[in-house]
Amino acid sequence: MNQSQVNQLIGQIGHMNLLAVCGGRRMIHNGALEMAVGGGYRVLVFLSSNDTYEVRRVFVRKGEYILKGTVSDVYNDQIAEVVWQASLWRDNKNWGN
């Protein structure tokens, strides 16, 4: 994902939603937008080849990424809600399963 795609994705998620999800802490890691949401959890957003997004919730411990859930084929009008639900790691434990 290049910088213009990341900027477009951030616009689709929404700046206020992004602040609520990760406090503005975000980075590009291995071609994905990575947002730290707390408690060792992160939300990764990948751009798929069919122009949809894949959202993953991962748990990071000692540099190891442990996949906790995935939602694929997310369209741009759904991305904000899917990212928000992925960030609710305490209340939404079965997300993406």
N, C-alpha and C. Protein backbone atom coordinates (compact mmCIF):
# COMPACT_ATOMS: atom_id res chain seq x y z
N MET A 1 0.86 -1.16 0.00
CA MET A 1 0.00 0.00 0.00
C MET A 1 0.91 1.23 0.00
N ASN A 2 0.72 2.12 -0.97
CA ASN A 2 1.55 3.31 -1.02
C ASN A 2 0.88 4.45 -0.22
N GLN A 3 1.57 5.56 -0.12
CA GLN A 3 1.10 6.66 0.73
C GLN A 3 -0.23 7.24 0.26
N SER A 4 -0.46 7.34 -1.03
CA SER A 4 -1.73 7.89 -1.51
C SER A 4 -2.89 6.93 -1.18
N GLN A 5 -2.64 5.61 -1.26
CA GLN A 5 -3.67 4.65 -0.88
C GLN A 5 -3.95 4.71 0.62
N VAL A 6 -2.91 4.92 1.42
CA VAL A 6 -3.09 5.05 2.86
C VAL A 6 -3.90 6.31 3.18
N ASN A 7 -3.59 7.40 2.52
CA ASN A 7 -4.34 8.64 2.74
C ASN A 7 -5.81 8.47 2.36
N GLN A 8 -6.07 7.77 1.27
CA GLN A 8 -7.44 7.52 0.86
C GLN A 8 -8.15 6.62 1.87
N LEU A 9 -7.47 5.61 2.38
CA LEU A 9 -8.04 4.72 3.39
C LEU A 9 -8.36 5.48 4.67
N ILE A 10 -7.47 6.35 5.09
CA ILE A 10 -7.72 7.15 6.29
C ILE A 10 -8.93 8.04 6.09
N GLY A 11 -9.08 8.59 4.90
CA GLY A 11 -10.27 9.38 4.59
C GLY A 11 -11.54 8.56 4.64
N GLN A 12 -11.46 7.30 4.20
CA GLN A 12 -12.64 6.43 4.23
C GLN A 12 -12.98 6.01 5.65
N ILE A 13 -11.96 5.77 6.47
CA ILE A 13 -12.20 5.43 7.87
C ILE A 13 -12.73 6.65 8.61
N GLY A 14 -12.19 7.80 8.31
CA GLY A 14 -12.58 9.04 8.96
C GLY A 14 -11.58 9.41 10.05
N HIS A 15 -11.20 10.67 10.08
CA HIS A 15 -10.18 11.11 11.03
C HIS A 15 -10.64 10.97 12.48
N MET A 16 -11.89 11.29 12.76
CA MET A 16 -12.39 11.18 14.13
C MET A 16 -12.51 9.71 14.55
N ASN A 17 -12.94 8.85 13.64
CA ASN A 17 -13.01 7.42 13.93
C ASN A 17 -11.60 6.88 14.17
N LEU A 18 -10.64 7.33 13.39
CA LEU A 18 -9.26 6.91 13.57
C LEU A 18 -8.73 7.33 14.94
N LEU A 19 -9.07 8.53 15.36
CA LEU A 19 -8.66 8.98 16.70
C LEU A 19 -9.32 8.13 17.79
N ALA A 20 -10.57 7.76 17.59
CA ALA A 20 -11.26 6.93 18.58
C ALA A 20 -10.69 5.52 18.63
N VAL A 21 -10.28 4.99 17.49
CA VAL A 21 -9.77 3.61 17.42
C VAL A 21 -8.37 3.52 18.02
N CYS A 22 -7.48 4.39 17.60
CA CYS A 22 -6.07 4.22 17.97
C CYS A 22 -5.41 5.47 18.51
N GLY A 23 -6.16 6.51 18.74
CA GLY A 23 -5.56 7.74 19.24
C GLY A 23 -4.63 8.41 18.24
N GLY A 24 -4.79 8.07 16.97
CA GLY A 24 -3.94 8.65 15.94
C GLY A 24 -2.64 7.90 15.73
N ARG A 25 -2.38 6.88 16.54
CA ARG A 25 -1.14 6.09 16.39
C ARG A 25 -1.33 5.09 15.27
N ARG A 26 -0.64 5.32 14.19
CA ARG A 26 -0.76 4.42 13.04
C ARG A 26 0.57 4.39 12.31
N MET A 27 0.80 3.30 11.58
CA MET A 27 1.99 3.19 10.77
C MET A 27 1.72 2.21 9.64
N ILE A 28 2.58 2.23 8.64
CA ILE A 28 2.49 1.29 7.55
C ILE A 28 3.49 0.19 7.85
N HIS A 29 3.01 -1.05 7.88
CA HIS A 29 3.87 -2.19 8.22
C HIS A 29 3.53 -3.35 7.29
N ASN A 30 4.51 -3.82 6.52
CA ASN A 30 4.33 -4.94 5.58
C ASN A 30 3.16 -4.72 4.64
N GLY A 31 3.02 -3.52 4.12
CA GLY A 31 1.97 -3.23 3.15
C GLY A 31 0.59 -3.06 3.73
N ALA A 32 0.50 -2.86 5.05
CA ALA A 32 -0.80 -2.69 5.70
C ALA A 32 -0.78 -1.45 6.57
N LEU A 33 -1.95 -0.87 6.75
CA LEU A 33 -2.11 0.19 7.73
C LEU A 33 -2.28 -0.49 9.08
N GLU A 34 -1.40 -0.18 10.02
CA GLU A 34 -1.41 -0.83 11.33
C GLU A 34 -1.76 0.20 12.40
N MET A 35 -2.75 -0.14 13.23
CA MET A 35 -3.20 0.73 14.29
C MET A 35 -3.13 0.00 15.63
N ALA A 36 -2.40 0.56 16.59
CA ALA A 36 -2.33 -0.02 17.92
C ALA A 36 -3.57 0.40 18.70
N VAL A 37 -4.34 -0.57 19.20
CA VAL A 37 -5.60 -0.25 19.86
C VAL A 37 -5.56 -0.49 21.37
N GLY A 38 -4.47 -1.03 21.89
CA GLY A 38 -4.32 -1.19 23.33
C GLY A 38 -4.28 -2.64 23.75
N GLY A 39 -3.68 -2.88 24.90
CA GLY A 39 -3.63 -4.21 25.46
C GLY A 39 -2.85 -5.22 24.63
N GLY A 40 -1.95 -4.72 23.78
CA GLY A 40 -1.20 -5.62 22.91
C GLY A 40 -1.90 -5.94 21.61
N TYR A 41 -3.11 -5.42 21.41
CA TYR A 41 -3.86 -5.70 20.18
C TYR A 41 -3.60 -4.62 19.14
N ARG A 42 -3.64 -5.04 17.89
CA ARG A 42 -3.51 -4.12 16.76
C ARG A 42 -4.51 -4.50 15.69
N VAL A 43 -4.91 -3.52 14.91
CA VAL A 43 -5.79 -3.74 13.77
C VAL A 43 -4.96 -3.45 12.52
N LEU A 44 -4.95 -4.41 11.60
CA LEU A 44 -4.24 -4.28 10.34
C LEU A 44 -5.24 -4.21 9.20
N VAL A 45 -5.04 -3.29 8.28
CA VAL A 45 -5.93 -3.16 7.12
C VAL A 45 -5.08 -3.33 5.87
N PHE A 46 -5.42 -4.34 5.07
CA PHE A 46 -4.73 -4.64 3.83
C PHE A 46 -5.65 -4.31 2.66
N LEU A 47 -5.08 -3.82 1.57
CA LEU A 47 -5.82 -3.62 0.33
C LEU A 47 -5.69 -4.89 -0.50
N SER A 48 -6.81 -5.52 -0.82
CA SER A 48 -6.80 -6.76 -1.60
C SER A 48 -6.71 -6.45 -3.09
N SER A 49 -6.40 -7.46 -3.87
CA SER A 49 -6.25 -7.29 -5.32
C SER A 49 -7.58 -6.98 -6.01
N ASN A 50 -8.71 -7.35 -5.39
CA ASN A 50 -10.02 -7.07 -5.98
C ASN A 50 -10.60 -5.74 -5.51
N ASP A 51 -9.73 -4.85 -5.02
CA ASP A 51 -10.09 -3.48 -4.61
C ASP A 51 -11.04 -3.46 -3.42
N THR A 52 -10.95 -4.46 -2.57
CA THR A 52 -11.64 -4.46 -1.28
C THR A 52 -10.56 -4.52 -0.20
N TYR A 53 -10.99 -4.45 1.04
CA TYR A 53 -10.04 -4.47 2.14
C TYR A 53 -10.18 -5.75 2.95
N GLU A 54 -9.09 -6.13 3.58
CA GLU A 54 -9.10 -7.22 4.55
C GLU A 54 -8.65 -6.62 5.88
N VAL A 55 -9.45 -6.81 6.92
CA VAL A 55 -9.16 -6.26 8.23
C VAL A 55 -8.84 -7.41 9.18
N ARG A 56 -7.71 -7.30 9.86
CA ARG A 56 -7.28 -8.34 10.79
C ARG A 56 -7.08 -7.75 12.18
N ARG A 57 -7.49 -8.51 13.19
CA ARG A 57 -7.17 -8.17 14.57
C ARG A 57 -6.07 -9.13 15.01
N VAL A 58 -4.96 -8.57 15.48
CA VAL A 58 -3.84 -9.40 15.92
C VAL A 58 -3.44 -9.02 17.33
N PHE A 59 -2.86 -9.98 18.02
CA PHE A 59 -2.29 -9.76 19.35
C PHE A 59 -0.79 -9.86 19.19
N VAL A 60 -0.06 -8.88 19.70
CA VAL A 60 1.38 -8.84 19.53
C VAL A 60 2.05 -9.04 20.89
N ARG A 61 2.91 -10.03 20.94
CA ARG A 61 3.68 -10.28 22.16
C ARG A 61 5.09 -10.70 21.74
N LYS A 62 6.09 -9.97 22.24
CA LYS A 62 7.50 -10.23 21.93
C LYS A 62 7.76 -10.22 20.43
N GLY A 63 7.10 -9.33 19.71
CA GLY A 63 7.29 -9.19 18.27
C GLY A 63 6.57 -10.23 17.43
N GLU A 64 5.86 -11.15 18.05
CA GLU A 64 5.12 -12.18 17.33
C GLU A 64 3.67 -11.76 17.16
N TYR A 65 3.17 -11.83 15.94
CA TYR A 65 1.79 -11.46 15.63
C TYR A 65 0.92 -12.71 15.68
N ILE A 66 -0.08 -12.70 16.56
CA ILE A 66 -1.00 -13.83 16.70
C ILE A 66 -2.36 -13.39 16.18
N LEU A 67 -2.82 -14.02 15.11
CA LEU A 67 -4.09 -13.65 14.48
C LEU A 67 -5.26 -14.02 15.37
N LYS A 68 -6.13 -13.03 15.63
CA LYS A 68 -7.32 -13.25 16.46
C LYS A 68 -8.62 -13.17 15.69
N GLY A 69 -8.59 -12.64 14.47
CA GLY A 69 -9.80 -12.58 13.66
C GLY A 69 -9.54 -11.85 12.36
N THR A 70 -10.31 -12.19 11.34
CA THR A 70 -10.17 -11.59 10.01
C THR A 70 -11.54 -11.39 9.39
N VAL A 71 -11.72 -10.27 8.74
CA VAL A 71 -12.91 -10.02 7.91
C VAL A 71 -12.40 -9.61 6.53
N SER A 72 -12.81 -10.35 5.51
CA SER A 72 -12.36 -10.10 4.14
C SER A 72 -13.48 -9.49 3.32
N ASP A 73 -13.11 -9.00 2.15
CA ASP A 73 -14.06 -8.41 1.19
C ASP A 73 -14.86 -7.28 1.80
N VAL A 74 -14.17 -6.35 2.43
CA VAL A 74 -14.80 -5.18 3.04
C VAL A 74 -14.74 -4.05 2.02
N TYR A 75 -15.89 -3.48 1.70
CA TYR A 75 -15.96 -2.38 0.75
C TYR A 75 -15.69 -1.05 1.46
N ASN A 76 -15.38 -0.02 0.66
CA ASN A 76 -14.98 1.26 1.24
C ASN A 76 -16.05 1.90 2.10
N ASP A 77 -17.32 1.64 1.83
CA ASP A 77 -18.37 2.23 2.66
C ASP A 77 -18.58 1.46 3.97
N GLN A 78 -17.95 0.31 4.12
CA GLN A 78 -18.07 -0.50 5.33
C GLN A 78 -16.83 -0.44 6.21
N ILE A 79 -15.74 0.12 5.68
CA ILE A 79 -14.45 0.00 6.35
C ILE A 79 -14.43 0.66 7.73
N ALA A 80 -15.09 1.79 7.89
CA ALA A 80 -15.07 2.48 9.18
C ALA A 80 -15.70 1.62 10.28
N GLU A 81 -16.85 1.01 10.00
CA GLU A 81 -17.52 0.17 11.00
C GLU A 81 -16.73 -1.09 11.30
N VAL A 82 -16.14 -1.70 10.29
CA VAL A 82 -15.38 -2.94 10.50
C VAL A 82 -14.12 -2.65 11.33
N VAL A 83 -13.43 -1.55 11.05
CA VAL A 83 -12.26 -1.18 11.84
C VAL A 83 -12.66 -0.88 13.27
N TRP A 84 -13.77 -0.18 13.46
CA TRP A 84 -14.25 0.12 14.81
C TRP A 84 -14.56 -1.17 15.57
N GLN A 85 -15.25 -2.10 14.95
CA GLN A 85 -15.58 -3.37 15.62
C GLN A 85 -14.31 -4.18 15.92
N ALA A 86 -13.33 -4.13 15.04
CA ALA A 86 -12.08 -4.85 15.27
C ALA A 86 -11.31 -4.26 16.45
N SER A 87 -11.48 -2.97 16.70
CA SER A 87 -10.75 -2.34 17.80
C SER A 87 -11.35 -2.65 19.17
N LEU A 88 -12.56 -3.18 19.22
CA LEU A 88 -13.22 -3.46 20.49
C LEU A 88 -12.80 -4.83 21.01
N TRP A 89 -11.53 -4.97 21.36
CA TRP A 89 -10.98 -6.27 21.74
C TRP A 89 -11.49 -6.77 23.08
N ARG A 90 -11.99 -5.91 23.94
CA ARG A 90 -12.54 -6.36 25.22
C ARG A 90 -13.99 -6.80 25.09
N ASP A 91 -14.77 -6.05 24.33
CA ASP A 91 -16.21 -6.29 24.26
C ASP A 91 -16.65 -7.17 23.11
N ASN A 92 -15.81 -7.34 22.12
CA ASN A 92 -16.20 -8.03 20.90
C ASN A 92 -15.18 -9.14 20.62
N LYS A 93 -15.08 -10.10 21.53
CA LYS A 93 -14.04 -11.13 21.46
C LYS A 93 -14.21 -12.08 20.27
N ASN A 94 -15.41 -12.30 19.78
CA ASN A 94 -15.65 -13.24 18.69
C ASN A 94 -15.65 -12.58 17.32
N TRP A 95 -15.15 -11.36 17.22
CA TRP A 95 -15.14 -10.64 15.95
C TRP A 95 -14.27 -11.39 14.95
N GLY A 96 -14.76 -11.54 13.75
CA GLY A 96 -13.97 -12.11 12.66
C GLY A 96 -13.82 -13.61 12.69
N ASN A 97 -14.54 -14.28 13.56
CA ASN A 97 -14.43 -15.75 13.62
C ASN A 97 -15.61 -16.41 12.96
